[in-house]
């Protein structure tokens, strides 16, 4: 491997304004940094020597590369957690974003030995004061209660983490815009979760939220409409196909049935069958129709119970979907 006496310069891009020309020049600079100025070949990084060299002629493009990774190795999650010296990443699901320290609830010392009665009493008092210091202001206490409600309801409904994060951000925005005072925290939290689940592509029905919410359906539905209007949330109509995977999983049906149900819904959308219809009812009808087309034994009442709709709705919608599929074909 050879090296030029003159070190390649001009490889570090200076900050520029975010314009189209700046973007193009930044892209060109990044491309130059990866290409050899002698032969134009791509460069490769030698981690042992901390150098980036040309893979064709061996010219050193960059040296003394800093390895910003850990100096230790881990082979499983437990080993990584024990060796890591940093905390968890920040999250919107906690009122302090997870930046504060937390005293472990286990009454054990660093060696795993059980604490004495006197030490346990002392740690209990420390936990109490730690909890008080973590939420001193009224806004922190409001956030702590609301985000706890969002996490509780999301866990009960099986809503994934990204949707919980979105719901937490929506509630934080509502709190910053002073939309919460005078309204129920539980209702606003439920409305935020409903909006977050829809934006994340994992919608839940109002009936499902009613089973886990501490307020009635009318109240949190009103709170959702208020949040969507004041925060100007771009809420598109729910796609019936988004309900199909969950219903298929609950009914333990095959992947073929799932794909056929999605195809029926796509045909129904092309024929505008979905306009003004309940998306959950359409998804349930598509699953029942797909089951019949794929020779899967599933009854209308089984699908209706899983989707929480009536069997009459399924009978009406599934004929419409089959007719739309025939017209599309």
C-alpha atoms as a PDB file:
ATOM      1  CA  UNK A   1       0.000   0.000   0.000  1.00  0.00           C
ATOM      2  CA  UNK A   2       1.422   3.382  -0.972  1.00  0.00           C
ATOM      3  CA  UNK A   3       0.680   6.793   0.378  1.00  0.00           C
ATOM      4  CA  UNK A   4       1.025  10.236  -1.146  1.00  0.00           C
ATOM      5  CA  UNK A   5       3.267  12.706   0.645  1.00  0.00           C
ATOM      6  CA  UNK A   6       0.684  15.412   0.210  1.00  0.00           C
ATOM      7  CA  UNK A   7      -2.439  14.653   2.209  1.00  0.00           C
ATOM      8  CA  UNK A   8      -5.675  14.948   0.302  1.00  0.00           C
ATOM      9  CA  UNK A   9      -7.382  18.194   1.328  1.00  0.00           C
ATOM     10  CA  UNK A  10     -10.781  19.692   0.760  1.00  0.00           C
ATOM     11  CA  UNK A  11     -12.510  16.639   2.135  1.00  0.00           C
ATOM     12  CA  UNK A  12     -14.322  18.365   5.007  1.00  0.00           C
ATOM     13  CA  UNK A  13     -17.384  20.242   3.799  1.00  0.00           C
ATOM     14  CA  UNK A  14     -17.884  23.692   5.323  1.00  0.00           C
ATOM     15  CA  UNK A  15     -21.388  24.585   6.552  1.00  0.00           C
ATOM     16  CA  UNK A  16     -23.436  26.177   3.800  1.00  0.00           C
ATOM     17  CA  UNK A  17     -26.937  27.512   3.520  1.00  0.00           C
ATOM     18  CA  UNK A  18     -29.628  24.958   2.770  1.00  0.00           C
ATOM     19  CA  UNK A  19     -30.282  25.804  -0.834  1.00  0.00           C
ATOM     20  CA  UNK A  20     -30.476  23.664  -3.905  1.00  0.00           C
ATOM     21  CA  UNK A  21     -26.929  24.661  -4.900  1.00  0.00           C
ATOM     22  CA  UNK A  22     -25.662  23.937  -1.378  1.00  0.00           C
ATOM     23  CA  UNK A  23     -27.283  20.517  -1.415  1.00  0.00           C
ATOM     24  CA  UNK A  24     -25.730  19.688  -4.750  1.00  0.00           C
ATOM     25  CA  UNK A  25     -22.284  20.863  -3.646  1.00  0.00           C
ATOM     26  CA  UNK A  26     -22.603  18.858  -0.411  1.00  0.00           C
ATOM     27  CA  UNK A  27     -23.480  15.753  -2.391  1.00  0.00           C
ATOM     28  CA  UNK A  28     -20.532  16.292  -4.711  1.00  0.00           C
ATOM     29  CA  UNK A  29     -18.180  16.752  -1.733  1.00  0.00           C
ATOM     30  CA  UNK A  30     -19.388  13.532  -0.138  1.00  0.00           C
ATOM     31  CA  UNK A  31     -18.866  11.755  -3.431  1.00  0.00           C
ATOM     32  CA  UNK A  32     -15.335  13.167  -3.722  1.00  0.00           C
ATOM     33  CA  UNK A  33     -14.546  12.035  -0.195  1.00  0.00           C
ATOM     34  CA  UNK A  34     -15.358   8.447  -1.137  1.00  0.00           C
ATOM     35  CA  UNK A  35     -13.521   8.567  -4.477  1.00  0.00           C
ATOM     36  CA  UNK A  36      -9.773   8.478  -5.097  1.00  0.00           C
ATOM     37  CA  UNK A  37      -8.418  11.749  -6.582  1.00  0.00           C
ATOM     38  CA  UNK A  38      -5.796   9.751  -8.525  1.00  0.00           C
ATOM     39  CA  UNK A  39      -7.799   7.023 -10.237  1.00  0.00           C
ATOM     40  CA  UNK A  40     -11.414   7.732  -9.249  1.00  0.00           C
ATOM     41  CA  UNK A  41     -11.953   4.352  -7.608  1.00  0.00           C
ATOM     42  CA  UNK A  42     -13.974   3.941  -4.443  1.00  0.00           C
ATOM     43  CA  UNK A  43     -12.244   4.054  -1.068  1.00  0.00           C
ATOM     44  CA  UNK A  44     -12.413   1.420   1.634  1.00  0.00           C
ATOM     45  CA  UNK A  45     -11.916   1.826   5.387  1.00  0.00           C
ATOM     46  CA  UNK A  46      -9.255  -0.167   7.203  1.00  0.00           C
ATOM     47  CA  UNK A  47     -10.551  -0.273  10.775  1.00  0.00           C
ATOM     48  CA  UNK A  48      -7.349  -1.724  12.219  1.00  0.00           C
ATOM     49  CA  UNK A  49      -5.178   1.141  10.946  1.00  0.00           C
ATOM     50  CA  UNK A  50      -7.886   3.817  11.098  1.00  0.00           C
ATOM     51  CA  UNK A  51      -7.395   4.775   7.460  1.00  0.00           C
ATOM     52  CA  UNK A  52      -9.515   5.103   4.340  1.00  0.00           C
ATOM     53  CA  UNK A  53      -7.553   3.936   1.299  1.00  0.00           C
ATOM     54  CA  UNK A  54      -8.225   3.528  -2.398  1.00  0.00           C
ATOM     55  CA  UNK A  55      -9.015  -0.064  -3.231  1.00  0.00           C
ATOM     56  CA  UNK A  56      -7.250   0.191  -6.595  1.00  0.00           C
ATOM     57  CA  UNK A  57      -4.034   2.204  -6.209  1.00  0.00           C
ATOM     58  CA  UNK A  58      -3.719   2.317  -2.407  1.00  0.00           C
ATOM     59  CA  UNK A  59      -3.711   6.106  -1.967  1.00  0.00           C
ATOM     60  CA  UNK A  60      -4.553   7.079   1.619  1.00  0.00           C
ATOM     61  CA  UNK A  61      -7.658   9.275   1.454  1.00  0.00           C
ATOM     62  CA  UNK A  62      -8.066   9.778   5.189  1.00  0.00           C
ATOM     63  CA  UNK A  63      -6.097   8.772   8.253  1.00  0.00           C
ATOM     64  CA  UNK A  64      -6.487   8.756  12.020  1.00  0.00           C
ATOM     65  CA  UNK A  65     -10.178   7.938  11.752  1.00  0.00           C
ATOM     66  CA  UNK A  66     -11.807   8.089  15.179  1.00  0.00           C
ATOM     67  CA  UNK A  67     -13.772   4.998  16.196  1.00  0.00           C
ATOM     68  CA  UNK A  68     -16.751   6.381  18.077  1.00  0.00           C
ATOM     69  CA  UNK A  69     -18.088   2.967  19.056  1.00  0.00           C
ATOM     70  CA  UNK A  70     -17.608   1.278  22.437  1.00  0.00           C
ATOM     71  CA  UNK A  71     -14.268  -0.227  23.354  1.00  0.00           C
ATOM     72  CA  UNK A  72     -15.998  -3.427  24.525  1.00  0.00           C
ATOM     73  CA  UNK A  73     -17.788  -6.206  22.677  1.00  0.00           C
ATOM     74  CA  UNK A  74     -21.102  -7.848  23.512  1.00  0.00           C
ATOM     75  CA  UNK A  75     -22.701 -10.980  22.130  1.00  0.00           C
ATOM     76  CA  UNK A  76     -26.244 -10.752  23.508  1.00  0.00           C
ATOM     77  CA  UNK A  77     -28.671  -8.132  24.836  1.00  0.00           C
ATOM     78  CA  UNK A  78     -27.980  -8.929  28.474  1.00  0.00           C
ATOM     79  CA  UNK A  79     -24.233  -8.600  28.048  1.00  0.00           C
ATOM     80  CA  UNK A  80     -24.722  -5.301  26.217  1.00  0.00           C
ATOM     81  CA  UNK A  81     -26.958  -3.916  28.967  1.00  0.00           C
ATOM     82  CA  UNK A  82     -24.420  -4.804  31.657  1.00  0.00           C
ATOM     83  CA  UNK A  83     -21.458  -3.224  29.860  1.00  0.00           C
ATOM     84  CA  UNK A  84     -23.211  -0.108  28.604  1.00  0.00           C
ATOM     85  CA  UNK A  85     -22.461   3.053  30.576  1.00  0.00           C
ATOM     86  CA  UNK A  86     -25.219   5.191  29.116  1.00  0.00           C
ATOM     87  CA  UNK A  87     -28.914   5.332  29.876  1.00  0.00           C
ATOM     88  CA  UNK A  88     -31.925   4.578  27.740  1.00  0.00           C
ATOM     89  CA  UNK A  89     -32.736   6.857  24.780  1.00  0.00           C
ATOM     90  CA  UNK A  90     -35.112   9.733  25.336  1.00  0.00           C
ATOM     91  CA  UNK A  91     -38.783   9.002  24.822  1.00  0.00           C
ATOM     92  CA  UNK A  92     -41.899  11.127  24.534  1.00  0.00           C
ATOM     93  CA  UNK A  93     -43.830   8.540  26.553  1.00  0.00           C
ATOM     94  CA  UNK A  94     -42.437   9.832  29.875  1.00  0.00           C
ATOM     95  CA  UNK A  95     -43.164  13.283  31.242  1.00  0.00           C
ATOM     96  CA  UNK A  96     -39.436  14.022  31.700  1.00  0.00           C
ATOM     97  CA  UNK A  97     -38.516  12.166  28.476  1.00  0.00           C
ATOM     98  CA  UNK A  98     -36.596   9.610  30.553  1.00  0.00           C
ATOM     99  CA  UNK A  99     -33.776  12.005  31.426  1.00  0.00           C
ATOM    100  CA  UNK A 100     -34.132  11.796  35.212  1.00  0.00           C
ATOM    101  CA  UNK A 101     -32.756   9.042  37.433  1.00  0.00           C
ATOM    102  CA  UNK A 102     -34.974   6.328  38.841  1.00  0.00           C
ATOM    103  CA  UNK A 103     -34.422   4.417  42.080  1.00  0.00           C
ATOM    104  CA  UNK A 104     -34.932   0.721  41.498  1.00  0.00           C
ATOM    105  CA  UNK A 105     -37.906  -0.830  43.285  1.00  0.00           C
ATOM    106  CA  UNK A 106     -35.942  -3.968  44.203  1.00  0.00           C
ATOM    107  CA  UNK A 107     -34.604  -3.795  47.742  1.00  0.00           C
ATOM    108  CA  UNK A 108     -31.168  -5.164  46.839  1.00  0.00           C
ATOM    109  CA  UNK A 109     -27.689  -3.690  46.839  1.00  0.00           C
ATOM    110  CA  UNK A 110     -25.122  -3.711  44.027  1.00  0.00           C
ATOM    111  CA  UNK A 111     -24.065  -7.268  44.930  1.00  0.00           C
ATOM    112  CA  UNK A 112     -27.627  -8.586  44.813  1.00  0.00           C
ATOM    113  CA  UNK A 113     -27.900  -8.909  48.588  1.00  0.00           C
ATOM    114  CA  UNK A 114     -31.243  -8.090  50.257  1.00  0.00           C
ATOM    115  CA  UNK A 115     -31.234  -4.825  52.163  1.00  0.00           C
ATOM    116  CA  UNK A 116     -31.795  -4.703  55.888  1.00  0.00           C
ATOM    117  CA  UNK A 117     -35.074  -3.437  57.326  1.00  0.00           C
ATOM    118  CA  UNK A 118     -33.515  -0.078  58.193  1.00  0.00           C
ATOM    119  CA  UNK A 119     -32.112   0.352  54.674  1.00  0.00           C
ATOM    120  CA  UNK A 120     -35.421  -0.667  53.079  1.00  0.00           C
ATOM    121  CA  UNK A 121     -37.216   2.014  55.064  1.00  0.00           C
ATOM    122  CA  UNK A 122     -34.613   4.556  54.029  1.00  0.00           C
ATOM    123  CA  UNK A 123     -34.894   3.601  50.342  1.00  0.00           C
ATOM    124  CA  UNK A 124     -38.675   3.854  50.547  1.00  0.00           C
ATOM    125  CA  UNK A 125     -38.391   7.449  51.758  1.00  0.00           C
ATOM    126  CA  UNK A 126     -35.868   8.214  49.021  1.00  0.00           C
ATOM    127  CA  UNK A 127     -38.194   6.834  46.349  1.00  0.00           C
ATOM    128  CA  UNK A 128     -41.010   9.027  47.658  1.00  0.00           C
ATOM    129  CA  UNK A 129     -38.916  12.180  47.515  1.00  0.00           C
ATOM    130  CA  UNK A 130     -37.437  11.202  44.157  1.00  0.00           C
ATOM    131  CA  UNK A 131     -40.949  10.831  42.754  1.00  0.00           C
ATOM    132  CA  UNK A 132     -41.912  14.250  44.122  1.00  0.00           C
ATOM    133  CA  UNK A 133     -38.862  15.967  42.660  1.00  0.00           C
ATOM    134  CA  UNK A 134     -39.426  14.396  39.256  1.00  0.00           C
ATOM    135  CA  UNK A 135     -42.834  16.091  38.896  1.00  0.00           C
ATOM    136  CA  UNK A 136     -42.773  19.383  40.761  1.00  0.00           C
ATOM    137  CA  UNK A 137     -44.816  21.608  38.432  1.00  0.00           C
ATOM    138  CA  UNK A 138     -48.497  21.233  37.596  1.00  0.00           C
ATOM    139  CA  UNK A 139     -47.619  20.645  33.950  1.00  0.00           C
ATOM    140  CA  UNK A 140     -45.330  17.749  34.856  1.00  0.00           C
ATOM    141  CA  UNK A 141     -48.007  16.177  37.021  1.00  0.00           C
ATOM    142  CA  UNK A 142     -50.539  16.590  34.221  1.00  0.00           C
ATOM    143  CA  UNK A 143     -48.188  14.981  31.722  1.00  0.00           C
ATOM    144  CA  UNK A 144     -47.331  12.157  34.086  1.00  0.00           C
ATOM    145  CA  UNK A 145     -50.982  11.252  34.600  1.00  0.00           C
ATOM    146  CA  UNK A 146     -51.953  11.596  30.935  1.00  0.00           C
ATOM    147  CA  UNK A 147     -48.978   9.674  29.513  1.00  0.00           C
ATOM    148  CA  UNK A 148     -49.578   6.944  32.067  1.00  0.00           C
ATOM    149  CA  UNK A 149     -53.168   6.670  30.840  1.00  0.00           C
ATOM    150  CA  UNK A 150     -52.025   6.529  27.218  1.00  0.00           C
ATOM    151  CA  UNK A 151     -49.546   3.750  27.993  1.00  0.00           C
ATOM    152  CA  UNK A 152     -52.139   1.787  29.989  1.00  0.00           C
ATOM    153  CA  UNK A 153     -54.782   1.933  27.246  1.00  0.00           C
ATOM    154  CA  UNK A 154     -52.258   1.239  24.493  1.00  0.00           C
ATOM    155  CA  UNK A 155     -51.010  -1.845  26.326  1.00  0.00           C
ATOM    156  CA  UNK A 156     -54.555  -3.139  26.756  1.00  0.00           C
ATOM    157  CA  UNK A 157     -55.293  -2.659  23.033  1.00  0.00           C
ATOM    158  CA  UNK A 158     -51.937  -3.957  21.765  1.00  0.00           C
ATOM    159  CA  UNK A 159     -50.979  -0.654  20.132  1.00  0.00           C
ATOM    160  CA  UNK A 160     -47.293  -0.589  19.093  1.00  0.00           C
ATOM    161  CA  UNK A 161     -44.684   1.764  20.511  1.00  0.00           C
ATOM    162  CA  UNK A 162     -44.506   4.137  17.543  1.00  0.00           C
ATOM    163  CA  UNK A 163     -48.222   4.880  17.837  1.00  0.00           C
ATOM    164  CA  UNK A 164     -47.806   5.514  21.579  1.00  0.00           C
ATOM    165  CA  UNK A 165     -45.001   7.953  20.844  1.00  0.00           C
ATOM    166  CA  UNK A 166     -47.209   9.749  18.314  1.00  0.00           C
ATOM    167  CA  UNK A 167     -50.084   9.939  20.801  1.00  0.00           C
ATOM    168  CA  UNK A 168     -47.722  11.329  23.448  1.00  0.00           C
ATOM    169  CA  UNK A 169     -46.485  14.021  21.065  1.00  0.00           C
ATOM    170  CA  UNK A 170     -50.075  14.985  20.240  1.00  0.00           C
ATOM    171  CA  UNK A 171     -50.943  15.328  23.929  1.00  0.00           C
ATOM    172  CA  UNK A 172     -47.794  17.395  24.555  1.00  0.00           C
ATOM    173  CA  UNK A 173     -48.805  19.725  21.738  1.00  0.00           C
ATOM    174  CA  UNK A 174     -52.284  20.060  23.192  1.00  0.00           C
ATOM    175  CA  UNK A 175     -50.775  20.901  26.576  1.00  0.00           C
ATOM    176  CA  UNK A 176     -48.422  23.487  25.070  1.00  0.00           C
ATOM    177  CA  UNK A 177     -51.356  25.070  23.202  1.00  0.00           C
ATOM    178  CA  UNK A 178     -53.289  25.253  26.516  1.00  0.00           C
ATOM    179  CA  UNK A 179     -56.086  23.001  25.263  1.00  0.00           C
ATOM    180  CA  UNK A 180     -56.198  20.855  28.410  1.00  0.00           C
ATOM    181  CA  UNK A 181     -57.411  23.283  31.143  1.00  0.00           C
ATOM    182  CA  UNK A 182     -61.119  22.861  31.774  1.00  0.00           C
ATOM    183  CA  UNK A 183     -61.261  19.425  30.174  1.00  0.00           C
ATOM    184  CA  UNK A 184     -60.854  15.890  31.444  1.00  0.00           C
ATOM    185  CA  UNK A 185     -57.281  14.598  31.316  1.00  0.00           C
ATOM    186  CA  UNK A 186     -58.543  11.055  30.667  1.00  0.00           C
ATOM    187  CA  UNK A 187     -60.742  12.217  27.766  1.00  0.00           C
ATOM    188  CA  UNK A 188     -57.938  14.217  26.150  1.00  0.00           C
ATOM    189  CA  UNK A 189     -55.509  11.323  26.627  1.00  0.00           C
ATOM    190  CA  UNK A 190     -57.961   8.908  24.989  1.00  0.00           C
ATOM    191  CA  UNK A 191     -58.548  11.323  22.110  1.00  0.00           C
ATOM    192  CA  UNK A 192     -54.794  11.692  21.631  1.00  0.00           C
ATOM    193  CA  UNK A 193     -54.345   7.912  21.553  1.00  0.00           C
ATOM    194  CA  UNK A 194     -57.108   7.548  18.968  1.00  0.00           C
ATOM    195  CA  UNK A 195     -55.484  10.212  16.786  1.00  0.00           C
ATOM    196  CA  UNK A 196     -51.993   8.771  17.261  1.00  0.00           C
ATOM    197  CA  UNK A 197     -53.106   5.265  16.326  1.00  0.00           C
ATOM    198  CA  UNK A 198     -54.760   6.559  13.150  1.00  0.00           C
ATOM    199  CA  UNK A 199     -51.707   8.572  12.142  1.00  0.00           C
ATOM    200  CA  UNK A 200     -49.419   5.592  12.778  1.00  0.00           C
ATOM    201  CA  UNK A 201     -51.529   3.335  10.545  1.00  0.00           C
ATOM    202  CA  UNK A 202     -52.794   1.044  13.334  1.00  0.00           C
ATOM    203  CA  UNK A 203     -56.276   2.469  13.962  1.00  0.00           C
ATOM    204  CA  UNK A 204     -58.558   1.315  16.741  1.00  0.00           C
ATOM    205  CA  UNK A 205     -62.300   1.826  16.773  1.00  0.00           C
ATOM    206  CA  UNK A 206     -64.148   4.028  19.237  1.00  0.00           C
ATOM    207  CA  UNK A 207     -65.849   0.912  20.587  1.00  0.00           C
ATOM    208  CA  UNK A 208     -62.462  -0.639  21.411  1.00  0.00           C
ATOM    209  CA  UNK A 209     -61.270   2.538  23.115  1.00  0.00           C
ATOM    210  CA  UNK A 210     -64.478   2.691  25.131  1.00  0.00           C
ATOM    211  CA  UNK A 211     -63.679  -0.655  26.746  1.00  0.00           C
ATOM    212  CA  UNK A 212     -60.364   0.624  28.203  1.00  0.00           C
ATOM    213  CA  UNK A 213     -61.032   4.327  28.710  1.00  0.00           C
ATOM    214  CA  UNK A 214     -62.085   5.757  32.083  1.00  0.00           C
ATOM    215  CA  UNK A 215     -64.581   8.125  30.412  1.00  0.00           C
ATOM    216  CA  UNK A 216     -67.566   7.424  28.194  1.00  0.00           C
ATOM    217  CA  UNK A 217     -67.412   7.367  24.414  1.00  0.00           C
ATOM    218  CA  UNK A 218     -69.224  10.658  23.879  1.00  0.00           C
ATOM    219  CA  UNK A 219     -66.734  12.583  25.999  1.00  0.00           C
ATOM    220  CA  UNK A 220     -63.494  11.300  24.453  1.00  0.00           C
ATOM    221  CA  UNK A 221     -64.951  11.484  20.927  1.00  0.00           C
ATOM    222  CA  UNK A 222     -65.665  15.165  21.561  1.00  0.00           C
ATOM    223  CA  UNK A 223     -62.115  15.580  22.901  1.00  0.00           C
ATOM    224  CA  UNK A 224     -60.674  13.945  19.777  1.00  0.00           C
ATOM    225  CA  UNK A 225     -62.594  16.267  17.455  1.00  0.00           C
ATOM    226  CA  UNK A 226     -61.427  19.251  19.499  1.00  0.00           C
ATOM    227  CA  UNK A 227     -57.769  18.154  19.345  1.00  0.00           C
ATOM    228  CA  UNK A 228     -57.909  17.451  15.615  1.00  0.00           C
ATOM    229  CA  UNK A 229     -59.496  20.842  14.916  1.00  0.00           C
ATOM    230  CA  UNK A 230     -57.278  22.985  17.145  1.00  0.00           C
ATOM    231  CA  UNK A 231     -53.995  21.277  16.237  1.00  0.00           C
ATOM    232  CA  UNK A 232     -54.989  20.994  12.562  1.00  0.00           C
ATOM    233  CA  UNK A 233     -54.139  17.314  12.398  1.00  0.00           C
ATOM    234  CA  UNK A 234     -54.185  15.888   8.889  1.00  0.00           C
ATOM    235  CA  UNK A 235     -56.484  12.937   9.509  1.00  0.00           C
ATOM    236  CA  UNK A 236     -57.312  11.044   6.350  1.00  0.00           C
ATOM    237  CA  UNK A 237     -60.253   8.619   6.257  1.00  0.00           C
ATOM    238  CA  UNK A 238     -59.304   5.267   7.727  1.00  0.00           C
ATOM    239  CA  UNK A 239     -58.383   2.645   5.156  1.00  0.00           C
ATOM    240  CA  UNK A 240     -60.409  -0.562   5.775  1.00  0.00           C
ATOM    241  CA  UNK A 241     -57.356  -2.618   4.766  1.00  0.00           C
ATOM    242  CA  UNK A 242     -55.559  -1.436   7.926  1.00  0.00           C
ATOM    243  CA  UNK A 243     -57.967  -3.507  10.041  1.00  0.00           C
ATOM    244  CA  UNK A 244     -57.446  -6.704   8.045  1.00  0.00           C
ATOM    245  CA  UNK A 245     -54.143  -7.963   9.579  1.00  0.00           C
ATOM    246  CA  UNK A 246     -55.402  -7.688  13.141  1.00  0.00           C
ATOM    247  CA  UNK A 247     -58.744  -9.366  12.390  1.00  0.00           C
ATOM    248  CA  UNK A 248     -57.046 -12.138  10.420  1.00  0.00           C
ATOM    249  CA  UNK A 249     -54.687 -12.727  13.344  1.00  0.00           C
ATOM    250  CA  UNK A 250     -57.569 -12.844  15.840  1.00  0.00           C
ATOM    251  CA  UNK A 251     -59.417 -15.367  13.671  1.00  0.00           C
ATOM    252  CA  UNK A 252     -56.242 -17.404  13.015  1.00  0.00           C
ATOM    253  CA  UNK A 253     -56.728 -17.365   9.240  1.00  0.00           C
ATOM    254  CA  UNK A 254     -54.171 -18.002   6.506  1.00  0.00           C
ATOM    255  CA  UNK A 255     -52.033 -15.504   4.622  1.00  0.00           C
ATOM    256  CA  UNK A 256     -53.896 -16.401   1.423  1.00  0.00           C
ATOM    257  CA  UNK A 257     -57.179 -15.313   2.979  1.00  0.00           C
ATOM    258  CA  UNK A 258     -55.584 -12.074   4.152  1.00  0.00           C
ATOM    259  CA  UNK A 259     -54.254 -11.233   0.689  1.00  0.00           C
ATOM    260  CA  UNK A 260     -57.594 -12.038  -0.919  1.00  0.00           C
ATOM    261  CA  UNK A 261     -59.402  -9.774   1.543  1.00  0.00           C
ATOM    262  CA  UNK A 262     -57.053  -6.896   0.720  1.00  0.00           C
ATOM    263  CA  UNK A 263     -57.654  -7.456  -2.993  1.00  0.00           C
ATOM    264  CA  UNK A 264     -61.416  -7.312  -2.445  1.00  0.00           C
ATOM    265  CA  UNK A 265     -61.080  -4.050  -0.556  1.00  0.00           C
ATOM    266  CA  UNK A 266     -58.891  -2.570  -3.308  1.00  0.00           C
ATOM    267  CA  UNK A 267     -61.521  -3.518  -5.880  1.00  0.00           C
ATOM    268  CA  UNK A 268     -64.200  -1.994  -3.652  1.00  0.00           C
ATOM    269  CA  UNK A 269     -62.265   1.277  -3.431  1.00  0.00           C
ATOM    270  CA  UNK A 270     -61.918   1.436  -7.205  1.00  0.00           C
ATOM    271  CA  UNK A 271     -65.686   1.039  -7.466  1.00  0.00           C
ATOM    272  CA  UNK A 272     -66.254   3.557  -4.613  1.00  0.00           C
ATOM    273  CA  UNK A 273     -68.038   0.983  -2.479  1.00  0.00           C
ATOM    274  CA  UNK A 274     -66.232   2.188   0.655  1.00  0.00           C
ATOM    275  CA  UNK A 275     -67.660   5.717   0.481  1.00  0.00           C
ATOM    276  CA  UNK A 276     -69.730   6.454   3.569  1.00  0.00           C
ATOM    277  CA  UNK A 277     -69.311   2.933   4.980  1.00  0.00           C
ATOM    278  CA  UNK A 278     -67.906   1.814   8.310  1.00  0.00           C
ATOM    279  CA  UNK A 279     -64.287   0.731   7.569  1.00  0.00           C
ATOM    280  CA  UNK A 280     -64.389  -1.999  10.215  1.00  0.00           C
ATOM    281  CA  UNK A 281     -67.556  -3.455   8.702  1.00  0.00           C
ATOM    282  CA  UNK A 282     -65.981  -3.426   5.254  1.00  0.00           C
ATOM    283  CA  UNK A 283     -62.854  -5.167   6.549  1.00  0.00           C
ATOM    284  CA  UNK A 284     -64.941  -7.835   8.289  1.00  0.00           C
ATOM    285  CA  UNK A 285     -67.027  -8.390   5.154  1.00  0.00           C
ATOM    286  CA  UNK A 286     -63.888  -8.674   3.019  1.00  0.00           C
ATOM    287  CA  UNK A 287     -62.451 -11.294   5.368  1.00  0.00           C
ATOM    288  CA  UNK A 288     -65.662 -13.326   5.306  1.00  0.00           C
ATOM    289  CA  UNK A 289     -65.852 -13.123   1.502  1.00  0.00           C
ATOM    290  CA  UNK A 290     -62.166 -14.023   1.182  1.00  0.00           C
ATOM    291  CA  UNK A 291     -62.727 -17.009   3.447  1.00  0.00           C
ATOM    292  CA  UNK A 292     -65.434 -18.324   1.164  1.00  0.00           C
ATOM    293  CA  UNK A 293     -63.296 -17.740  -1.930  1.00  0.00           C
ATOM    294  CA  UNK A 294     -60.304 -19.544  -0.409  1.00  0.00           C
ATOM    295  CA  UNK A 295     -62.378 -22.432   1.033  1.00  0.00           C
ATOM    296  CA  UNK A 296     -61.767 -21.436   4.650  1.00  0.00           C
ATOM    297  CA  UNK A 297     -64.470 -22.312   7.143  1.00  0.00           C
ATOM    298  CA  UNK A 298     -65.307 -19.099   8.978  1.00  0.00           C
ATOM    299  CA  UNK A 299     -68.818 -18.021   9.907  1.00  0.00           C
ATOM    300  CA  UNK A 300     -70.349 -14.576   9.816  1.00  0.00           C
ATOM    301  CA  UNK A 301     -70.842 -14.608  13.576  1.00  0.00           C
ATOM    302  CA  UNK A 302     -67.160 -15.426  14.206  1.00  0.00           C
ATOM    303  CA  UNK A 303     -66.035 -12.526  12.030  1.00  0.00           C
ATOM    304  CA  UNK A 304     -68.681 -10.244  13.528  1.00  0.00           C
ATOM    305  CA  UNK A 305     -67.522 -11.030  17.079  1.00  0.00           C
ATOM    306  CA  UNK A 306     -63.875 -10.375  16.190  1.00  0.00           C
ATOM    307  CA  UNK A 307     -64.692  -7.062  14.480  1.00  0.00           C
ATOM    308  CA  UNK A 308     -67.423  -6.060  16.952  1.00  0.00           C
ATOM    309  CA  UNK A 309     -69.980  -5.467  14.200  1.00  0.00           C
ATOM    310  CA  UNK A 310     -73.318  -7.111  13.429  1.00  0.00           C
ATOM    311  CA  UNK A 311     -73.732 -10.093  11.127  1.00  0.00           C
ATOM    312  CA  UNK A 312     -76.247  -8.057   9.111  1.00  0.00           C
ATOM    313  CA  UNK A 313     -73.523  -5.552   8.284  1.00  0.00           C
ATOM    314  CA  UNK A 314     -71.282  -8.330   7.017  1.00  0.00           C
ATOM    315  CA  UNK A 315     -74.045  -9.786   4.837  1.00  0.00           C
ATOM    316  CA  UNK A 316     -74.768  -6.414   3.268  1.00  0.00           C
ATOM    317  CA  UNK A 317     -71.169  -5.417   2.676  1.00  0.00           C
ATOM    318  CA  UNK A 318     -69.728  -8.687   1.454  1.00  0.00           C
ATOM    319  CA  UNK A 319     -72.183  -8.899  -1.472  1.00  0.00           C
ATOM    320  CA  UNK A 320     -71.239  -5.349  -2.442  1.00  0.00           C
ATOM    321  CA  UNK A 321     -67.552  -6.254  -2.370  1.00  0.00           C
ATOM    322  CA  UNK A 322     -68.074  -9.385  -4.480  1.00  0.00           C
ATOM    323  CA  UNK A 323     -70.071  -7.400  -7.047  1.00  0.00           C
ATOM    324  CA  UNK A 324     -67.341  -4.741  -7.157  1.00  0.00           C
ATOM    325  CA  UNK A 325     -64.708  -7.438  -7.618  1.00  0.00           C
ATOM    326  CA  UNK A 326     -66.659  -8.933 -10.513  1.00  0.00           C
ATOM    327  CA  UNK A 327     -66.990  -5.519 -12.174  1.00  0.00           C
ATOM    328  CA  UNK A 328     -63.299  -4.788 -11.691  1.00  0.00           C
ATOM    329  CA  UNK A 329     -62.357  -8.115 -13.226  1.00  0.00           C
END
